Amino acid sequence: MAHDGPGFYDDADIFATYMRHRQQDETPNDTLERPDLLDMIGEVTGLRVLDLGSGDAQIGRDLLAAGAVAYLGVEPSTNMMQAGTATLADTAGQITQATIEAWDYPAAAFDLAISRLALHYVEDVATTFRQVFGALSPGGRFVFSVEHPVITSCNRALDGGGQRHTWTVDNYHIEGRRATRWLGGDVVKYHRTVEVYVGSLLAAGFALEGLREASPRRAAFLREETYRRRQRIPLFLLLAGRKPA
């Protein structure tokens, strides 16, 4: 049976596998997604930060160290919430356990909202984007990453383990639920096109400020082979929007 996002990470074996995976060198999160995310976030001094699907909250610790005055992570997984709480133990950061969809978003309480690779677990991002818009102060920004739609569109090319050597893009314009085999379990993600992500952001009231596809940077990689492999297809889509002042 395929799990939703929180249920997937609350499986003890899957969570342990995930944490081992994140500690490897040259992970896509560290070499591709994180550098672009930090570039798009920019200066955080004095900002109140909301993080949707905060995971282990390492980004929260980093943003607080860079000058953010407050950080609140919203995390539905018990395992991830506990990991995030440990990460933030000696900081001003906090984690609350709730789903992104059901959390009660306070009005104009944050200056920056971020989300790292969590929104593809959310079925209705249009509603979430409107909730984030309301939770931001005037001029506030929303920066997020998701698994790239060319990846979420079709799972046929996965070989059940090891590295993927070919990619199949199919049913791209058919949005909706996808059950994916990953890390030894089955997880539900929601596929939507780049057009839908951008259109939903604009419809929520944001002005689009940036779009990136996590193009690999040679300096981020230890191995030439890994760098060349990451040039073949985009793994992540990142968007930034601003609430009008």
C-alpha atoms as a PDB file:
ATOM      1  CA  MET A   1       0.000   0.000   0.000  1.00  0.00           C
ATOM      2  CA  ALA A   2       1.279   3.450  -0.878  1.00  0.00           C
ATOM      3  CA  HIS A   3       1.677   5.885   2.014  1.00  0.00           C
ATOM      4  CA  ASP A   4       0.961   9.594   1.991  1.00  0.00           C
ATOM      5  CA  GLY A   5       3.990  11.771   2.755  1.00  0.00           C
ATOM      6  CA  PRO A   6       3.791  11.718   6.588  1.00  0.00           C
ATOM      7  CA  GLY A   7       3.006   8.006   6.723  1.00  0.00           C
ATOM      8  CA  PHE A   8       5.925   7.242   4.431  1.00  0.00           C
ATOM      9  CA  TYR A   9       8.492   8.998   6.632  1.00  0.00           C
ATOM     10  CA  ASP A  10       6.983   7.534   9.802  1.00  0.00           C
ATOM     11  CA  ASP A  11       7.860   4.030   8.630  1.00  0.00           C
ATOM     12  CA  ALA A  12      10.916   3.257  10.777  1.00  0.00           C
ATOM     13  CA  ASP A  13      12.878   1.417   8.066  1.00  0.00           C
ATOM     14  CA  ILE A  14      12.172   4.004   5.390  1.00  0.00           C
ATOM     15  CA  PHE A  15      13.068   6.863   7.712  1.00  0.00           C
ATOM     16  CA  ALA A  16      16.378   5.217   8.621  1.00  0.00           C
ATOM     17  CA  THR A  17      17.148   4.668   4.926  1.00  0.00           C
ATOM     18  CA  TYR A  18      16.269   8.272   4.141  1.00  0.00           C
ATOM     19  CA  MET A  19      18.520   9.667   6.870  1.00  0.00           C
ATOM     20  CA  ARG A  20      21.426   7.518   5.658  1.00  0.00           C
ATOM     21  CA  HIS A  21      20.772   8.718   2.113  1.00  0.00           C
ATOM     22  CA  ARG A  22      20.818  12.383   3.203  1.00  0.00           C
ATOM     23  CA  GLN A  23      24.214  11.914   4.869  1.00  0.00           C
ATOM     24  CA  GLN A  24      25.921  10.735   1.695  1.00  0.00           C
ATOM     25  CA  ASP A  25      28.120  13.084  -0.276  1.00  0.00           C
ATOM     26  CA  GLU A  26      26.884  14.622  -3.536  1.00  0.00           C
ATOM     27  CA  THR A  27      23.203  14.169  -2.716  1.00  0.00           C
ATOM     28  CA  PRO A  28      20.912  15.998  -5.168  1.00  0.00           C
ATOM     29  CA  ASN A  29      19.461  18.001  -2.260  1.00  0.00           C
ATOM     30  CA  ASP A  30      22.869  19.409  -1.334  1.00  0.00           C
ATOM     31  CA  THR A  31      24.432  19.773  -4.786  1.00  0.00           C
ATOM     32  CA  LEU A  32      21.414  20.959  -6.792  1.00  0.00           C
ATOM     33  CA  GLU A  33      18.426  22.122  -4.743  1.00  0.00           C
ATOM     34  CA  ARG A  34      20.012  23.824  -1.746  1.00  0.00           C
ATOM     35  CA  PRO A  35      22.369  26.214  -3.624  1.00  0.00           C
ATOM     36  CA  ASP A  36      19.555  27.582  -5.788  1.00  0.00           C
ATOM     37  CA  LEU A  37      17.164  27.771  -2.848  1.00  0.00           C
ATOM     38  CA  LEU A  38      19.607  29.851  -0.799  1.00  0.00           C
ATOM     39  CA  ASP A  39      20.299  32.117  -3.779  1.00  0.00           C
ATOM     40  CA  MET A  40      16.588  32.733  -4.231  1.00  0.00           C
ATOM     41  CA  ILE A  41      16.012  33.321  -0.504  1.00  0.00           C
ATOM     42  CA  GLY A  42      18.776  35.899  -0.279  1.00  0.00           C
ATOM     43  CA  GLU A  43      19.251  38.051   2.834  1.00  0.00           C
ATOM     44  CA  VAL A  44      17.270  36.914   5.886  1.00  0.00           C
ATOM     45  CA  THR A  45      18.403  39.310   8.599  1.00  0.00           C
ATOM     46  CA  GLY A  46      15.449  40.293  10.749  1.00  0.00           C
ATOM     47  CA  LEU A  47      12.971  38.006   8.982  1.00  0.00           C
ATOM     48  CA  ARG A  48      10.318  35.750  10.522  1.00  0.00           C
ATOM     49  CA  VAL A  49      10.445  32.462   8.627  1.00  0.00           C
ATOM     50  CA  LEU A  50       7.763  29.832   8.035  1.00  0.00           C
ATOM     51  CA  ASP A  51       8.907  26.439   6.695  1.00  0.00           C
ATOM     52  CA  LEU A  52       6.262  24.077   5.323  1.00  0.00           C
ATOM     53  CA  GLY A  53       7.323  20.438   5.545  1.00  0.00           C
ATOM     54  CA  SER A  54      10.399  21.352   7.547  1.00  0.00           C
ATOM     55  CA  GLY A  55      11.919  17.862   7.769  1.00  0.00           C
ATOM     56  CA  ASP A  56      15.074  17.799   9.892  1.00  0.00           C
ATOM     57  CA  ALA A  57      14.976  21.644  10.026  1.00  0.00           C
ATOM     58  CA  GLN A  58      18.664  22.087   9.193  1.00  0.00           C
ATOM     59  CA  ILE A  59      17.689  24.940   6.882  1.00  0.00           C
ATOM     60  CA  GLY A  60      15.999  26.595   9.879  1.00  0.00           C
ATOM     61  CA  ARG A  61      19.134  26.374  11.946  1.00  0.00           C
ATOM     62  CA  ASP A  62      21.120  27.857   9.065  1.00  0.00           C
ATOM     63  CA  LEU A  63      18.684  30.730   8.499  1.00  0.00           C
ATOM     64  CA  LEU A  64      18.637  31.610  12.193  1.00  0.00           C
ATOM     65  CA  ALA A  65      22.440  31.642  12.185  1.00  0.00           C
ATOM     66  CA  ALA A  66      22.286  33.951   9.155  1.00  0.00           C
ATOM     67  CA  GLY A  67      20.159  36.507  11.023  1.00  0.00           C
ATOM     68  CA  ALA A  68      16.520  35.406  10.852  1.00  0.00           C
ATOM     69  CA  VAL A  69      14.758  36.420  14.093  1.00  0.00           C
ATOM     70  CA  ALA A  70      12.221  33.583  14.162  1.00  0.00           C
ATOM     71  CA  TYR A  71      11.699  30.214  12.503  1.00  0.00           C
ATOM     72  CA  LEU A  72       8.630  27.989  12.652  1.00  0.00           C
ATOM     73  CA  GLY A  73       8.586  24.628  10.934  1.00  0.00           C
ATOM     74  CA  VAL A  74       5.316  22.880  10.109  1.00  0.00           C
ATOM     75  CA  GLU A  75       5.968  19.143   9.875  1.00  0.00           C
ATOM     76  CA  PRO A  76       3.378  16.338   9.748  1.00  0.00           C
ATOM     77  CA  SER A  77       5.715  13.362  10.221  1.00  0.00           C
ATOM     78  CA  THR A  78       6.438  12.406  13.833  1.00  0.00           C
ATOM     79  CA  ASN A  79       9.912  11.118  12.923  1.00  0.00           C
ATOM     80  CA  MET A  80      10.776  14.281  11.036  1.00  0.00           C
ATOM     81  CA  MET A  81       9.333  16.517  13.760  1.00  0.00           C
ATOM     82  CA  GLN A  82      11.521  14.837  16.348  1.00  0.00           C
ATOM     83  CA  ALA A  83      14.580  15.188  14.127  1.00  0.00           C
ATOM     84  CA  GLY A  84      13.791  18.855  13.542  1.00  0.00           C
ATOM     85  CA  THR A  85      13.242  19.517  17.228  1.00  0.00           C
ATOM     86  CA  ALA A  86      16.662  18.020  17.968  1.00  0.00           C
ATOM     87  CA  THR A  87      18.279  20.143  15.249  1.00  0.00           C
ATOM     88  CA  LEU A  88      16.811  23.332  16.739  1.00  0.00           C
ATOM     89  CA  ALA A  89      17.386  22.382  20.393  1.00  0.00           C
ATOM     90  CA  ASP A  90      19.664  25.315  21.264  1.00  0.00           C
ATOM     91  CA  THR A  91      18.085  27.904  18.967  1.00  0.00           C
ATOM     92  CA  ALA A  92      14.989  30.114  18.910  1.00  0.00           C
ATOM     93  CA  GLY A  93      13.440  27.889  16.238  1.00  0.00           C
ATOM     94  CA  GLN A  94      10.299  25.848  16.800  1.00  0.00           C
ATOM     95  CA  ILE A  95       8.525  22.930  15.135  1.00  0.00           C
ATOM     96  CA  THR A  96       4.784  22.313  15.202  1.00  0.00           C
ATOM     97  CA  GLN A  97       3.260  19.017  14.081  1.00  0.00           C
ATOM     98  CA  ALA A  98       0.529  19.491  11.502  1.00  0.00           C
ATOM     99  CA  THR A  99      -0.113  18.808   7.850  1.00  0.00           C
ATOM    100  CA  ILE A 100       0.516  21.609   5.398  1.00  0.00           C
ATOM    101  CA  GLU A 101      -3.134  21.421   4.358  1.00  0.00           C
ATOM    102  CA  ALA A 102      -4.727  21.497   7.835  1.00  0.00           C
ATOM    103  CA  TRP A 103      -2.463  23.921   9.711  1.00  0.00           C
ATOM    104  CA  ASP A 104      -4.166  27.142  10.863  1.00  0.00           C
ATOM    105  CA  TYR A 105      -2.206  29.839   9.023  1.00  0.00           C
ATOM    106  CA  PRO A 106      -2.009  33.066  11.071  1.00  0.00           C
ATOM    107  CA  ALA A 107      -2.537  36.303   9.169  1.00  0.00           C
ATOM    108  CA  ALA A 108       0.519  38.390   8.215  1.00  0.00           C
ATOM    109  CA  ALA A 109       2.725  36.586  10.768  1.00  0.00           C
ATOM    110  CA  PHE A 110       5.779  35.894   8.581  1.00  0.00           C
ATOM    111  CA  ASP A 111       8.122  37.732   6.229  1.00  0.00           C
ATOM    112  CA  LEU A 112       9.419  34.657   4.400  1.00  0.00           C
ATOM    113  CA  ALA A 113       7.765  31.307   3.706  1.00  0.00           C
ATOM    114  CA  ILE A 114       9.789  28.411   2.335  1.00  0.00           C
ATOM    115  CA  SER A 115       9.109  24.791   1.465  1.00  0.00           C
ATOM    116  CA  ARG A 116      11.702  22.232   0.434  1.00  0.00           C
ATOM    117  CA  LEU A 117      10.511  19.256  -1.581  1.00  0.00           C
ATOM    118  CA  ALA A 118       7.233  18.897   0.297  1.00  0.00           C
ATOM    119  CA  LEU A 119       4.520  20.420  -1.879  1.00  0.00           C
ATOM    120  CA  HIS A 120       4.463  17.502  -4.322  1.00  0.00           C
ATOM    121  CA  TYR A 121       2.900  15.546  -1.434  1.00  0.00           C
ATOM    122  CA  VAL A 122       0.031  18.086  -1.289  1.00  0.00           C
ATOM    123  CA  GLU A 123      -2.977  17.410  -3.480  1.00  0.00           C
ATOM    124  CA  ASP A 124      -4.343  20.974  -3.607  1.00  0.00           C
ATOM    125  CA  VAL A 125      -1.500  23.474  -3.895  1.00  0.00           C
ATOM    126  CA  ALA A 126      -3.805  26.268  -5.052  1.00  0.00           C
ATOM    127  CA  THR A 127      -5.398  26.395  -1.607  1.00  0.00           C
ATOM    128  CA  THR A 128      -2.015  26.125   0.107  1.00  0.00           C
ATOM    129  CA  PHE A 129      -0.637  29.016  -1.936  1.00  0.00           C
ATOM    130  CA  ARG A 130      -3.591  31.202  -0.900  1.00  0.00           C
ATOM    131  CA  GLN A 131      -3.018  30.266   2.750  1.00  0.00           C
ATOM    132  CA  VAL A 132       0.673  31.144   2.491  1.00  0.00           C
ATOM    133  CA  PHE A 133      -0.223  34.462   0.848  1.00  0.00           C
ATOM    134  CA  GLY A 134      -2.442  35.353   3.804  1.00  0.00           C
ATOM    135  CA  ALA A 135       0.234  34.344   6.329  1.00  0.00           C
ATOM    136  CA  LEU A 136       2.839  36.687   4.835  1.00  0.00           C
ATOM    137  CA  SER A 137       3.266  40.337   5.695  1.00  0.00           C
ATOM    138  CA  PRO A 138       3.025  42.860   2.818  1.00  0.00           C
ATOM    139  CA  GLY A 139       6.145  42.474   0.696  1.00  0.00           C
ATOM    140  CA  GLY A 140       6.747  38.987   2.099  1.00  0.00           C
ATOM    141  CA  ARG A 141       8.238  36.276  -0.083  1.00  0.00           C
ATOM    142  CA  PHE A 142       7.476  32.606  -0.774  1.00  0.00           C
ATOM    143  CA  VAL A 143      10.318  30.404  -2.051  1.00  0.00           C
ATOM    144  CA  PHE A 144       9.817  26.693  -2.605  1.00  0.00           C
ATOM    145  CA  SER A 145      11.189  23.644  -4.362  1.00  0.00           C
ATOM    146  CA  VAL A 146       9.398  20.553  -5.670  1.00  0.00           C
ATOM    147  CA  GLU A 147      10.378  17.453  -7.557  1.00  0.00           C
ATOM    148  CA  HIS A 148      10.480  18.519 -11.194  1.00  0.00           C
ATOM    149  CA  PRO A 149       7.310  17.694 -13.162  1.00  0.00           C
ATOM    150  CA  VAL A 150       9.286  15.792 -15.791  1.00  0.00           C
ATOM    151  CA  ILE A 151      10.185  13.399 -12.953  1.00  0.00           C
ATOM    152  CA  THR A 152       6.757  13.178 -11.328  1.00  0.00           C
ATOM    153  CA  SER A 153       4.976  12.676 -14.658  1.00  0.00           C
ATOM    154  CA  CYS A 154       5.941   9.014 -15.067  1.00  0.00           C
ATOM    155  CA  ASN A 155       7.688   6.387 -12.977  1.00  0.00           C
ATOM    156  CA  ARG A 156       8.193   3.642 -15.568  1.00  0.00           C
ATOM    157  CA  ALA A 157      11.928   4.145 -16.014  1.00  0.00           C
ATOM    158  CA  LEU A 158      12.765   3.322 -12.403  1.00  0.00           C
ATOM    159  CA  ASP A 159      14.494  -0.053 -12.307  1.00  0.00           C
ATOM    160  CA  GLY A 160      13.646  -0.872  -8.699  1.00  0.00           C
ATOM    161  CA  GLY A 161      16.984   0.108  -7.229  1.00  0.00           C
ATOM    162  CA  GLY A 162      20.288   1.789  -7.907  1.00  0.00           C
ATOM    163  CA  GLN A 163      20.808   4.659 -10.282  1.00  0.00           C
ATOM    164  CA  ARG A 164      18.296   5.551 -12.940  1.00  0.00           C
ATOM    165  CA  HIS A 165      19.889   5.458 -16.397  1.00  0.00           C
ATOM    166  CA  THR A 166      16.946   6.533 -18.536  1.00  0.00           C
ATOM    167  CA  TRP A 167      13.979   8.798 -17.908  1.00  0.00           C
ATOM    168  CA  THR A 168      10.504   8.576 -19.367  1.00  0.00           C
ATOM    169  CA  VAL A 169       8.287  11.648 -19.616  1.00  0.00           C
ATOM    170  CA  ASP A 170       4.718  10.529 -20.234  1.00  0.00           C
ATOM    171  CA  ASN A 171       1.182  11.607 -19.280  1.00  0.00           C
ATOM    172  CA  TYR A 172       2.714  14.991 -18.546  1.00  0.00           C
ATOM    173  CA  HIS A 173      -0.538  16.932 -18.943  1.00  0.00           C
ATOM    174  CA  ILE A 174      -2.536  14.429 -16.903  1.00  0.00           C
ATOM    175  CA  GLU A 175      -2.321  15.824 -13.388  1.00  0.00           C
ATOM    176  CA  GLY A 176      -2.980  13.986 -10.185  1.00  0.00           C
ATOM    177  CA  ARG A 177      -1.969  11.142  -7.939  1.00  0.00           C
ATOM    178  CA  ARG A 178       1.140   9.080  -8.626  1.00  0.00           C
ATOM    179  CA  ALA A 179       2.278   6.127  -6.503  1.00  0.00           C
ATOM    180  CA  THR A 180       6.071   5.899  -6.596  1.00  0.00           C
ATOM    181  CA  ARG A 181       8.444   3.209  -5.362  1.00  0.00           C
ATOM    182  CA  TRP A 182      11.260   4.903  -3.417  1.00  0.00           C
ATOM    183  CA  LEU A 183      13.629   3.973  -0.585  1.00  0.00           C
ATOM    184  CA  GLY A 184      12.045   0.546  -0.233  1.00  0.00           C
ATOM    185  CA  GLY A 185       8.462   1.772   0.100  1.00  0.00           C
ATOM    186  CA  ASP A 186       5.584   3.214  -1.900  1.00  0.00           C
ATOM    187  CA  VAL A 187       4.710   6.883  -1.530  1.00  0.00           C
ATOM    188  CA  VAL A 188       1.961   9.028  -3.033  1.00  0.00           C
ATOM    189  CA  LYS A 189       2.982  12.207  -4.829  1.00  0.00           C
ATOM    190  CA  TYR A 190       0.876  14.593  -6.908  1.00  0.00           C
ATOM    191  CA  HIS A 191       1.987  15.470 -10.394  1.00  0.00           C
ATOM    192  CA  ARG A 192       1.270  18.883 -11.862  1.00  0.00           C
ATOM    193  CA  THR A 193       2.869  20.806 -14.692  1.00  0.00           C
ATOM    194  CA  VAL A 194       5.209  23.774 -14.486  1.00  0.00           C
ATOM    195  CA  GLU A 195       2.358  25.843 -15.919  1.00  0.00           C
ATOM    196  CA  VAL A 196       0.062  24.834 -13.052  1.00  0.00           C
ATOM    197  CA  TYR A 197       2.648  25.626 -10.378  1.00  0.00           C
ATOM    198  CA  VAL A 198       3.271  29.078 -11.833  1.00  0.00           C
ATOM    199  CA  GLY A 199      -0.389  29.747 -12.562  1.00  0.00           C
ATOM    200  CA  SER A 200      -1.437  28.769  -9.033  1.00  0.00           C
ATOM    201  CA  LEU A 201       1.215  31.056  -7.560  1.00  0.00           C
ATOM    202  CA  LEU A 202      -0.005  33.983  -9.648  1.00  0.00           C
ATOM    203  CA  ALA A 203      -3.660  33.221  -8.946  1.00  0.00           C
ATOM    204  CA  ALA A 204      -2.956  33.338  -5.206  1.00  0.00           C
ATOM    205  CA  GLY A 205      -1.800  36.940  -5.631  1.00  0.00           C
ATOM    206  CA  PHE A 206       1.970  36.565  -5.783  1.00  0.00           C
ATOM    207  CA  ALA A 207       4.201  38.358  -8.262  1.00  0.00           C
ATOM    208  CA  LEU A 208       6.599  35.825  -9.784  1.00  0.00           C
ATOM    209  CA  GLU A 209      10.198  36.724  -8.889  1.00  0.00           C
ATOM    210  CA  GLY A 210      12.157  33.709  -9.996  1.00  0.00           C
ATOM    211  CA  LEU A 211      12.117  30.257 -11.561  1.00  0.00           C
ATOM    212  CA  ARG A 212      15.004  27.813 -11.570  1.00  0.00           C
ATOM    213  CA  GLU A 213      15.524  24.175 -12.463  1.00  0.00           C
ATOM    214  CA  ALA A 214      18.551  23.501 -10.256  1.00  0.00           C
ATOM    215  CA  SER A 215      21.089  23.480 -13.056  1.00  0.00           C
ATOM    216  CA  PRO A 216      24.236  21.705 -11.754  1.00  0.00           C
ATOM    217  CA  ARG A 217      27.260  23.778 -10.765  1.00  0.00           C
ATOM    218  CA  ARG A 218      30.594  22.033 -11.243  1.00  0.00           C
ATOM    219  CA  ALA A 219      32.037  23.347  -7.977  1.00  0.00           C
ATOM    220  CA  ALA A 220      29.314  21.550  -5.986  1.00  0.00           C
ATOM    221  CA  PHE A 221      30.450  18.094  -7.125  1.00  0.00           C
ATOM    222  CA  LEU A 222      33.363  15.947  -6.060  1.00  0.00           C
ATOM    223  CA  ARG A 223      33.155  13.716  -9.127  1.00  0.00           C
ATOM    224  CA  GLU A 224      33.036  14.675 -12.779  1.00  0.00           C
ATOM    225  CA  GLU A 225      30.896  11.611 -13.495  1.00  0.00           C
ATOM    226  CA  THR A 226      28.171  12.740 -11.082  1.00  0.00           C
ATOM    227  CA  TYR A 227      28.256  16.274 -12.458  1.00  0.00           C
ATOM    228  CA  ARG A 228      27.813  15.059 -16.033  1.00  0.00           C
ATOM    229  CA  ARG A 229      24.969  12.765 -15.018  1.00  0.00           C
ATOM    230  CA  ARG A 230      23.140  15.632 -13.327  1.00  0.00           C
ATOM    231  CA  GLN A 231      23.308  17.625 -16.571  1.00  0.00           C
ATOM    232  CA  ARG A 232      21.002  15.155 -18.305  1.00  0.00           C
ATOM    233  CA  ILE A 233      17.607  16.043 -16.817  1.00  0.00           C
ATOM    234  CA  PRO A 234      16.218  18.504 -14.245  1.00  0.00           C
ATOM    235  CA  LEU A 235      15.403  16.967 -10.878  1.00  0.00           C
ATOM    236  CA  PHE A 236      13.955  20.020  -9.157  1.00  0.00           C
ATOM    237  CA  LEU A 237      11.796  23.048  -9.886  1.00  0.00           C
ATOM    238  CA  LEU A 238      12.151  26.147  -7.706  1.00  0.00           C
ATOM    239  CA  LEU A 239       9.846  29.168  -7.689  1.00  0.00           C
ATOM    240  CA  ALA A 240       9.877  32.459  -5.829  1.00  0.00           C
ATOM    241  CA  GLY A 241       6.967  34.847  -5.440  1.00  0.00           C
ATOM    242  CA  ARG A 242       6.417  38.108  -3.579  1.00  0.00           C
ATOM    243  CA  LYS A 243       3.280  39.407  -1.918  1.00  0.00           C
ATOM    244  CA  PRO A 244       2.656  42.979  -3.085  1.00  0.00           C
ATOM    245  CA  ALA A 245       3.528  45.680  -0.562  1.00  0.00           C
END
